[in-house]
Structures are given as structure tokens and as C-alpha cells.
N, C-alpha and C. Protein backbone atom coordinates (compact mmCIF):
# COMPACT_ATOMS: atom_id res chain seq x y z
N MET A 1 -5.05 -21.20 -5.74
CA MET A 1 -4.75 -19.83 -6.10
C MET A 1 -3.44 -19.44 -5.45
N GLU A 2 -2.56 -18.86 -6.22
CA GLU A 2 -1.29 -18.38 -5.68
C GLU A 2 -1.24 -16.86 -5.80
N LEU A 3 -0.85 -16.23 -4.73
CA LEU A 3 -0.62 -14.79 -4.71
C LEU A 3 0.85 -14.57 -4.38
N HIS A 4 1.48 -13.69 -5.11
CA HIS A 4 2.90 -13.41 -4.89
C HIS A 4 3.05 -12.13 -4.07
N VAL A 5 3.77 -12.27 -2.96
CA VAL A 5 4.00 -11.14 -2.06
C VAL A 5 5.42 -10.62 -2.30
N VAL A 6 5.53 -9.30 -2.39
CA VAL A 6 6.84 -8.66 -2.56
C VAL A 6 7.20 -8.01 -1.23
N PHE A 7 8.38 -8.33 -0.73
CA PHE A 7 8.91 -7.75 0.50
C PHE A 7 10.08 -6.86 0.13
N GLU A 8 10.05 -5.62 0.58
CA GLU A 8 11.16 -4.70 0.29
C GLU A 8 11.31 -3.70 1.44
N PRO A 9 12.52 -3.20 1.65
CA PRO A 9 12.72 -2.23 2.73
C PRO A 9 12.07 -0.89 2.36
N ASP A 10 11.49 -0.23 3.37
CA ASP A 10 10.95 1.10 3.12
C ASP A 10 11.96 2.16 3.56
N GLU A 11 11.57 3.41 3.50
CA GLU A 11 12.49 4.52 3.81
C GLU A 11 12.96 4.52 5.27
N GLU A 12 12.17 3.90 6.15
CA GLU A 12 12.50 3.88 7.58
C GLU A 12 13.24 2.60 8.00
N GLY A 13 13.52 1.72 7.04
CA GLY A 13 14.21 0.47 7.36
C GLY A 13 13.27 -0.67 7.72
N TRP A 14 11.96 -0.43 7.68
CA TRP A 14 11.00 -1.49 7.93
C TRP A 14 10.83 -2.31 6.66
N VAL A 15 10.08 -3.39 6.75
CA VAL A 15 9.80 -4.24 5.60
C VAL A 15 8.39 -3.93 5.10
N ARG A 16 8.30 -3.53 3.83
CA ARG A 16 7.00 -3.28 3.21
C ARG A 16 6.59 -4.53 2.45
N ALA A 17 5.36 -4.98 2.65
CA ALA A 17 4.83 -6.16 1.97
C ALA A 17 3.65 -5.75 1.10
N THR A 18 3.70 -6.14 -0.17
CA THR A 18 2.60 -5.88 -1.09
C THR A 18 2.29 -7.17 -1.84
N ILE A 19 1.05 -7.30 -2.28
CA ILE A 19 0.65 -8.44 -3.10
C ILE A 19 0.59 -7.95 -4.54
N GLU A 20 1.39 -8.58 -5.41
CA GLU A 20 1.52 -8.11 -6.80
C GLU A 20 0.18 -7.95 -7.50
N ALA A 21 -0.69 -8.91 -7.41
CA ALA A 21 -1.96 -8.89 -8.14
C ALA A 21 -3.00 -7.98 -7.51
N LEU A 22 -2.76 -7.54 -6.28
CA LEU A 22 -3.72 -6.72 -5.54
C LEU A 22 -3.01 -5.50 -4.96
N PRO A 23 -2.79 -4.47 -5.77
CA PRO A 23 -2.00 -3.33 -5.31
C PRO A 23 -2.57 -2.60 -4.10
N GLY A 24 -3.84 -2.82 -3.79
CA GLY A 24 -4.43 -2.19 -2.61
C GLY A 24 -4.06 -2.86 -1.31
N VAL A 25 -3.40 -4.00 -1.38
CA VAL A 25 -3.00 -4.73 -0.17
C VAL A 25 -1.54 -4.41 0.11
N ILE A 26 -1.33 -3.66 1.18
CA ILE A 26 0.03 -3.23 1.54
C ILE A 26 0.13 -3.11 3.06
N THR A 27 1.28 -3.46 3.59
CA THR A 27 1.51 -3.32 5.03
C THR A 27 3.01 -3.15 5.27
N CYS A 28 3.37 -2.73 6.45
CA CYS A 28 4.78 -2.58 6.84
C CYS A 28 4.97 -3.14 8.25
N ALA A 29 6.16 -3.65 8.49
CA ALA A 29 6.50 -4.19 9.81
C ALA A 29 8.00 -4.07 10.00
N PRO A 30 8.44 -4.13 11.25
CA PRO A 30 9.88 -4.02 11.51
C PRO A 30 10.70 -5.22 11.04
N THR A 31 10.07 -6.39 10.94
CA THR A 31 10.81 -7.58 10.53
C THR A 31 10.08 -8.31 9.40
N LEU A 32 10.78 -9.15 8.69
CA LEU A 32 10.20 -9.94 7.61
C LEU A 32 9.11 -10.88 8.15
N ASP A 33 9.38 -11.53 9.27
CA ASP A 33 8.38 -12.44 9.84
C ASP A 33 7.09 -11.71 10.19
N GLU A 34 7.22 -10.53 10.78
CA GLU A 34 6.03 -9.75 11.12
C GLU A 34 5.30 -9.28 9.86
N ALA A 35 6.05 -8.92 8.84
CA ALA A 35 5.43 -8.49 7.58
C ALA A 35 4.66 -9.64 6.94
N ARG A 36 5.19 -10.85 7.03
CA ARG A 36 4.50 -12.03 6.51
C ARG A 36 3.14 -12.21 7.19
N GLU A 37 3.12 -12.04 8.49
CA GLU A 37 1.88 -12.20 9.24
C GLU A 37 0.91 -11.06 8.92
N LEU A 38 1.42 -9.85 8.90
CA LEU A 38 0.55 -8.70 8.69
C LEU A 38 -0.04 -8.63 7.28
N VAL A 39 0.69 -9.13 6.27
CA VAL A 39 0.15 -9.07 4.92
C VAL A 39 -1.06 -9.99 4.79
N ARG A 40 -1.09 -11.08 5.54
CA ARG A 40 -2.28 -11.94 5.56
C ARG A 40 -3.46 -11.19 6.15
N ASN A 41 -3.21 -10.45 7.23
CA ASN A 41 -4.27 -9.65 7.84
C ASN A 41 -4.75 -8.56 6.89
N ALA A 42 -3.82 -7.94 6.20
CA ALA A 42 -4.17 -6.88 5.24
C ALA A 42 -5.03 -7.44 4.11
N LEU A 43 -4.70 -8.64 3.64
CA LEU A 43 -5.50 -9.28 2.59
C LEU A 43 -6.90 -9.57 3.09
N ASP A 44 -7.01 -10.08 4.29
CA ASP A 44 -8.32 -10.39 4.87
C ASP A 44 -9.17 -9.13 4.99
N GLU A 45 -8.58 -8.04 5.47
CA GLU A 45 -9.31 -6.77 5.61
C GLU A 45 -9.71 -6.23 4.24
N TRP A 46 -8.82 -6.34 3.25
CA TRP A 46 -9.12 -5.87 1.90
C TRP A 46 -10.30 -6.63 1.32
N LEU A 47 -10.30 -7.95 1.49
CA LEU A 47 -11.39 -8.77 0.98
C LEU A 47 -12.70 -8.46 1.69
N GLN A 48 -12.66 -8.24 2.99
CA GLN A 48 -13.88 -7.90 3.73
C GLN A 48 -14.44 -6.57 3.27
N ALA A 49 -13.58 -5.59 3.05
CA ALA A 49 -14.04 -4.28 2.58
C ALA A 49 -14.64 -4.38 1.19
N LEU A 50 -14.01 -5.13 0.32
CA LEU A 50 -14.52 -5.32 -1.03
C LEU A 50 -15.88 -6.01 -0.99
N THR A 51 -15.97 -7.04 -0.18
CA THR A 51 -17.23 -7.77 -0.06
C THR A 51 -18.34 -6.86 0.44
N SER A 52 -18.07 -6.01 1.40
CA SER A 52 -19.08 -5.11 1.94
C SER A 52 -19.57 -4.13 0.88
N ALA A 53 -18.67 -3.56 0.12
CA ALA A 53 -19.03 -2.61 -0.92
C ALA A 53 -19.81 -3.29 -2.04
N GLU A 54 -19.37 -4.47 -2.43
CA GLU A 54 -20.03 -5.20 -3.50
C GLU A 54 -21.41 -5.69 -3.08
N ARG A 55 -21.56 -6.03 -1.83
CA ARG A 55 -22.82 -6.56 -1.33
C ARG A 55 -23.96 -5.56 -1.54
N ALA A 56 -23.65 -4.29 -1.47
CA ALA A 56 -24.67 -3.25 -1.62
C ALA A 56 -25.25 -3.23 -3.03
N THR A 57 -24.57 -3.79 -4.02
CA THR A 57 -25.03 -3.75 -5.40
C THR A 57 -25.70 -5.05 -5.85
N ILE A 58 -25.86 -6.01 -4.96
CA ILE A 58 -26.45 -7.30 -5.32
C ILE A 58 -27.96 -7.17 -5.41
N GLY A 59 -28.53 -7.64 -6.51
CA GLY A 59 -29.97 -7.58 -6.71
C GLY A 59 -30.72 -8.60 -5.87
N ALA A 60 -32.03 -8.39 -5.74
CA ALA A 60 -32.87 -9.24 -4.90
C ALA A 60 -32.95 -10.67 -5.44
N GLU A 61 -32.83 -10.87 -6.76
CA GLU A 61 -32.95 -12.20 -7.34
C GLU A 61 -31.63 -12.97 -7.39
N ALA A 62 -30.57 -12.37 -6.94
CA ALA A 62 -29.25 -12.99 -7.02
C ALA A 62 -29.12 -14.12 -5.99
N THR A 63 -28.28 -15.09 -6.33
CA THR A 63 -27.94 -16.16 -5.40
C THR A 63 -26.52 -15.88 -4.91
N ARG A 64 -26.32 -16.01 -3.63
CA ARG A 64 -25.02 -15.71 -3.04
C ARG A 64 -24.47 -16.95 -2.36
N GLU A 65 -23.21 -17.28 -2.64
CA GLU A 65 -22.52 -18.40 -2.01
C GLU A 65 -21.19 -17.92 -1.46
N THR A 66 -20.67 -18.63 -0.47
CA THR A 66 -19.38 -18.30 0.12
C THR A 66 -18.31 -19.21 -0.44
N LEU A 67 -17.21 -18.63 -0.85
CA LEU A 67 -16.04 -19.36 -1.34
C LEU A 67 -14.92 -19.15 -0.34
N THR A 68 -14.35 -20.22 0.18
CA THR A 68 -13.27 -20.14 1.15
C THR A 68 -11.96 -20.47 0.46
N LEU A 69 -10.97 -19.58 0.57
CA LEU A 69 -9.65 -19.79 0.00
C LEU A 69 -8.65 -20.01 1.11
N SER A 70 -7.73 -20.91 0.92
CA SER A 70 -6.65 -21.12 1.87
C SER A 70 -5.39 -20.48 1.28
N VAL A 71 -4.81 -19.57 2.03
CA VAL A 71 -3.57 -18.93 1.60
C VAL A 71 -2.47 -19.46 2.52
N ALA A 72 -1.56 -20.21 1.94
CA ALA A 72 -0.50 -20.84 2.73
C ALA A 72 0.56 -19.85 3.13
């Protein structure tokens, strides 16, 4: 799976990082390197929040498995 990250300067001169396919994943940092690191953290938090909300709607007869993705 490939996710494309967009890095652009914000109004304060920091670097804003967003993931094109997931508009809810956004972060800012003073440098590009820091933005690269923080966008991974933002994606992880977004996925955890989504999983928590979705988990509440799973029926008793459902089977649940874990899928692990590596994001380079």
C-alpha cells in the first residue's frame, strides 16, 4: 500500500504534512524531517481512533483479525 504525503509551508513558516487519501491525517512541524516523523504518528493515531469507533459497531457473530501494514 502506498500513501502519498503532501508537504507544504503553512502561514507560520512551518511544514504542514497531509496524506492525500486520508484528509483527516494532518500535522505541522518546524522542519521537513520533523514533519515526516510526525505524519507517521498522526496516521497511527487516526487509525487507532477509527478502529475504536468501528469496534463499537461489530456484532457478536463477527470474526476479527489484525492486519499489519508497513509504511516506509
